[in-house]
N, C-alpha and C. Protein backbone atom coordinates (compact mmCIF):
# COMPACT_ATOMS: atom_id res chain seq x y z
N UNK A 1 43.80 -27.99 42.31
CA UNK A 1 44.65 -26.44 41.59
C UNK A 1 46.33 -26.42 42.11
N UNK A 2 47.01 -26.27 40.91
CA UNK A 2 48.26 -26.24 41.50
C UNK A 2 48.78 -24.98 41.20
N UNK A 3 50.25 -24.67 41.88
CA UNK A 3 50.67 -23.44 42.53
C UNK A 3 50.62 -22.22 41.56
N UNK A 4 50.70 -22.50 40.00
CA UNK A 4 50.70 -21.03 39.47
C UNK A 4 49.16 -20.57 39.46
N UNK A 5 48.20 -21.78 39.39
CA UNK A 5 47.07 -20.75 39.55
C UNK A 5 46.28 -20.54 41.08
N UNK A 6 47.18 -21.21 41.58
CA UNK A 6 47.13 -20.49 43.18
C UNK A 6 47.86 -18.79 43.04
N UNK A 7 48.93 -18.62 42.47
CA UNK A 7 49.70 -17.49 42.59
C UNK A 7 48.95 -16.53 41.24
N UNK A 8 48.56 -17.11 40.28
CA UNK A 8 47.06 -16.03 39.79
C UNK A 8 45.87 -15.84 40.23
N UNK A 9 45.43 -16.76 41.09
CA UNK A 9 44.12 -16.49 42.07
C UNK A 9 44.54 -15.33 43.14
N UNK A 10 45.90 -15.72 43.68
CA UNK A 10 45.99 -14.33 44.84
C UNK A 10 46.22 -13.14 44.47
N UNK A 11 47.66 -12.84 43.35
CA UNK A 11 47.91 -11.87 42.97
C UNK A 11 47.70 -11.14 41.48
N UNK A 12 46.76 -11.98 40.92
CA UNK A 12 46.13 -11.43 39.52
C UNK A 12 47.40 -11.72 38.51
N UNK A 13 48.54 -12.37 38.29
CA UNK A 13 49.64 -12.34 37.40
C UNK A 13 49.60 -14.32 36.64
N UNK A 14 49.93 -14.15 35.66
CA UNK A 14 50.17 -15.87 35.41
C UNK A 14 51.54 -15.95 35.62
N UNK A 15 51.88 -16.98 36.08
CA UNK A 15 53.69 -17.19 35.92
C UNK A 15 53.77 -19.13 35.59
N UNK A 16 54.92 -19.62 35.50
CA UNK A 16 54.99 -20.48 35.18
C UNK A 16 56.20 -20.84 36.03
N UNK A 17 56.16 -22.67 35.88
CA UNK A 17 57.36 -23.23 36.35
C UNK A 17 58.34 -23.63 35.59
N UNK A 18 59.71 -23.62 35.89
CA UNK A 18 61.23 -23.21 35.06
C UNK A 18 62.27 -24.32 35.78
N UNK A 19 62.50 -25.01 35.23
CA UNK A 19 63.62 -26.21 35.94
C UNK A 19 65.03 -25.90 34.80
N UNK A 20 66.41 -26.29 35.37
CA UNK A 20 67.42 -26.72 34.98
C UNK A 20 68.09 -27.62 35.71
N UNK A 21 68.70 -28.60 35.12
CA UNK A 21 69.56 -29.38 35.49
C UNK A 21 71.07 -28.97 34.96
N UNK A 22 71.94 -29.23 36.19
CA UNK A 22 73.28 -29.12 35.43
C UNK A 22 74.09 -30.56 35.79
N UNK A 23 74.27 -30.95 34.70
CA UNK A 23 74.68 -32.77 35.12
C UNK A 23 76.31 -32.29 34.96
N UNK A 24 77.22 -33.18 35.94
CA UNK A 24 78.43 -33.13 35.26
C UNK A 24 79.80 -31.88 35.89
N UNK A 25 79.09 -31.55 36.48
CA UNK A 25 79.51 -29.91 36.56
C UNK A 25 80.86 -30.19 37.46
N UNK A 26 81.87 -29.41 37.08
CA UNK A 26 83.28 -29.57 38.19
C UNK A 26 83.01 -28.96 38.95
N UNK A 27 83.27 -29.71 40.09
CA UNK A 27 82.87 -28.82 41.23
C UNK A 27 84.48 -27.71 41.91
N UNK A 28 84.97 -27.86 41.04
CA UNK A 28 86.40 -27.36 41.69
C UNK A 28 86.62 -25.59 40.98
N UNK A 29 85.29 -25.17 39.93
CA UNK A 29 85.04 -24.06 39.73
C UNK A 29 83.63 -23.46 39.96
N UNK A 30 83.89 -22.08 40.11
CA UNK A 30 82.80 -21.14 40.46
C UNK A 30 81.52 -21.65 38.84
N UNK A 31 80.30 -21.49 38.95
CA UNK A 31 79.04 -21.72 38.30
C UNK A 31 77.98 -21.24 38.47
N UNK A 32 77.52 -20.13 37.62
CA UNK A 32 76.35 -19.49 37.93
C UNK A 32 75.58 -20.72 37.17
N UNK A 33 74.40 -20.42 38.36
CA UNK A 33 73.19 -21.44 38.26
C UNK A 33 71.85 -20.33 37.90
N UNK A 34 71.71 -19.19 38.62
CA UNK A 34 70.45 -18.71 38.83
C UNK A 34 71.00 -16.90 38.08
N UNK A 35 70.85 -16.48 36.66
CA UNK A 35 70.72 -15.04 36.91
C UNK A 35 70.09 -14.63 37.07
N UNK A 36 70.28 -13.22 36.96
CA UNK A 36 69.36 -12.30 37.95
C UNK A 36 68.29 -11.88 37.17
N UNK A 37 67.03 -12.40 38.00
CA UNK A 37 65.47 -12.27 37.31
C UNK A 37 64.41 -11.75 38.61
N UNK A 38 64.82 -10.56 37.94
CA UNK A 38 63.14 -9.78 39.07
C UNK A 38 61.57 -10.07 39.07
N UNK A 39 61.42 -11.12 38.58
CA UNK A 39 60.34 -11.75 38.19
C UNK A 39 60.50 -13.06 38.97
N UNK A 40 61.86 -13.11 39.35
CA UNK A 40 61.31 -14.96 39.97
C UNK A 40 60.67 -14.61 41.22
N UNK A 41 59.75 -16.03 41.39
CA UNK A 41 58.86 -15.86 42.83
C UNK A 41 59.50 -16.48 44.00
N UNK A 42 60.71 -17.72 43.57
CA UNK A 42 61.34 -18.68 44.04
C UNK A 42 62.25 -19.71 43.50
N UNK A 43 63.14 -20.20 43.96
CA UNK A 43 63.71 -21.29 43.92
C UNK A 43 64.30 -22.70 44.38
N UNK A 44 64.43 -23.62 44.12
CA UNK A 44 64.82 -24.76 45.20
C UNK A 44 66.33 -25.51 44.40
N UNK A 45 67.21 -25.78 44.92
CA UNK A 45 68.47 -26.31 44.76
C UNK A 45 68.59 -27.58 45.59
N UNK A 46 68.80 -28.58 44.69
CA UNK A 46 68.89 -29.84 45.11
C UNK A 46 70.25 -30.55 44.87
N UNK A 47 71.17 -30.82 45.65
CA UNK A 47 72.64 -31.50 45.31
C UNK A 47 72.56 -33.36 45.36
N UNK A 48 72.44 -33.44 44.15
CA UNK A 48 72.06 -34.88 43.82
C UNK A 48 73.17 -35.60 43.55
N UNK A 49 74.27 -35.12 43.88
CA UNK A 49 75.65 -35.76 43.56
C UNK A 49 76.38 -36.40 44.40
N UNK A 50 77.25 -36.63 44.46
CA UNK A 50 78.45 -37.36 45.39
C UNK A 50 79.26 -36.53 46.32
N UNK A 51 79.56 -34.92 45.77
CA UNK A 51 80.15 -34.31 46.88
C UNK A 51 79.44 -33.40 46.89
N UNK A 52 80.30 -32.31 48.21
CA UNK A 52 79.65 -31.53 49.15
C UNK A 52 79.28 -30.38 47.67
N UNK A 53 78.58 -28.93 47.90
CA UNK A 53 78.68 -27.80 46.79
C UNK A 53 78.27 -26.56 47.97
N UNK A 54 78.60 -25.55 47.47
CA UNK A 54 78.15 -24.53 48.12
C UNK A 54 77.97 -23.49 47.49
N UNK A 55 77.00 -22.94 47.66
CA UNK A 55 75.93 -22.17 47.56
C UNK A 55 76.44 -20.28 48.00
N UNK A 56 76.50 -19.61 47.31
CA UNK A 56 76.55 -17.91 47.41
C UNK A 56 75.37 -16.98 46.69
N UNK A 57 75.96 -15.82 46.92
CA UNK A 57 74.97 -15.08 46.10
C UNK A 57 75.24 -14.07 45.27
N UNK A 58 77.01 -13.98 45.43
CA UNK A 58 78.30 -13.93 44.55
C UNK A 58 79.59 -14.66 43.97
N UNK A 59 79.95 -14.32 43.33
CA UNK A 59 81.39 -15.05 43.14
C UNK A 59 82.59 -15.66 44.00
N UNK A 60 82.15 -15.06 45.25
CA UNK A 60 83.19 -15.32 46.35
C UNK A 60 82.85 -16.75 47.23
N UNK A 61 81.76 -17.24 46.71
CA UNK A 61 81.50 -19.01 46.96
C UNK A 61 83.00 -19.39 47.25
N UNK A 62 83.20 -20.40 48.09
CA UNK A 62 84.71 -21.14 48.37
C UNK A 62 84.10 -22.18 49.58
N UNK A 63 85.19 -23.03 50.06
CA UNK A 63 85.10 -24.27 50.86
C UNK A 63 84.33 -23.36 51.90
N UNK A 64 85.18 -21.96 52.74
CA UNK A 64 84.61 -21.28 53.73
C UNK A 64 83.76 -20.48 53.95
N UNK A 65 83.09 -20.39 52.52
CA UNK A 65 82.40 -19.09 52.60
C UNK A 65 81.14 -19.89 51.94
N UNK A 66 79.93 -19.69 52.10
CA UNK A 66 79.08 -20.52 51.51
C UNK A 66 77.83 -21.08 52.34
N UNK A 67 76.89 -21.44 51.36
CA UNK A 67 76.02 -22.56 52.01
C UNK A 67 75.87 -23.91 51.78
N UNK A 68 76.25 -24.58 52.06
CA UNK A 68 76.62 -25.80 52.16
C UNK A 68 75.32 -26.91 51.82
N UNK A 69 75.78 -27.29 50.33
CA UNK A 69 74.39 -28.25 50.40
C UNK A 69 75.23 -29.57 50.23
N UNK A 70 74.72 -30.39 51.02
CA UNK A 70 75.49 -32.18 51.12
C UNK A 70 75.16 -33.29 50.08
N UNK A 71 75.87 -33.93 49.76
CA UNK A 71 75.75 -35.10 48.62
C UNK A 71 74.33 -35.67 49.04
N UNK A 72 73.65 -35.95 47.53
CA UNK A 72 72.84 -37.27 48.14
C UNK A 72 71.43 -36.42 48.50
N UNK A 73 71.20 -35.02 48.23
CA UNK A 73 69.87 -34.78 48.49
C UNK A 73 70.07 -33.81 49.34
N UNK A 74 70.84 -32.81 49.97
CA UNK A 74 70.84 -31.80 50.03
C UNK A 74 70.23 -30.52 49.61
N UNK A 75 69.69 -29.74 50.23
CA UNK A 75 68.76 -28.86 49.67
C UNK A 75 68.57 -27.41 50.06
N UNK A 76 67.97 -26.50 49.30
CA UNK A 76 67.79 -24.88 49.86
C UNK A 76 66.93 -24.19 48.82
N UNK A 77 66.16 -23.55 49.55
CA UNK A 77 64.68 -23.11 49.01
C UNK A 77 64.97 -22.09 49.38
N UNK A 78 64.40 -21.10 48.70
CA UNK A 78 64.22 -19.47 48.83
C UNK A 78 62.75 -19.23 47.90
N UNK A 79 61.92 -18.34 48.71
CA UNK A 79 60.75 -17.60 48.15
C UNK A 79 60.33 -16.36 48.81
N UNK A 80 60.07 -15.78 47.77
CA UNK A 80 59.91 -14.12 47.49
C UNK A 80 59.64 -13.62 48.93
N UNK A 81 58.45 -14.34 49.30
CA UNK A 81 57.29 -14.06 50.18
C UNK A 81 57.68 -14.36 51.88
N UNK A 82 58.73 -15.23 51.99
CA UNK A 82 59.13 -15.47 53.19
C UNK A 82 61.05 -15.22 53.70
N UNK A 83 61.71 -15.42 52.26
CA UNK A 83 63.01 -14.80 52.52
C UNK A 83 63.73 -13.78 52.19
N UNK A 84 62.53 -12.48 51.75
CA UNK A 84 63.34 -11.29 51.38
C UNK A 84 62.32 -10.39 52.11
């Protein structure tokens, strides 16, 4: 049984997995990677690049304000059931 089937069995709703890839981002500018979506159940971000990246929930992200994802695999996840 996959995760979509587990969610359907538990909550009675159908869902699907969706992914986005951001190749060759200019890390010196802000880039919105997740638009607002009230139906989102969770998300994961993995930094496969060679430089630090920072995540924030607004546009004020900077080198001193944000969640650091280190190079070569730094990651973060957020699940509605655990993080909100």
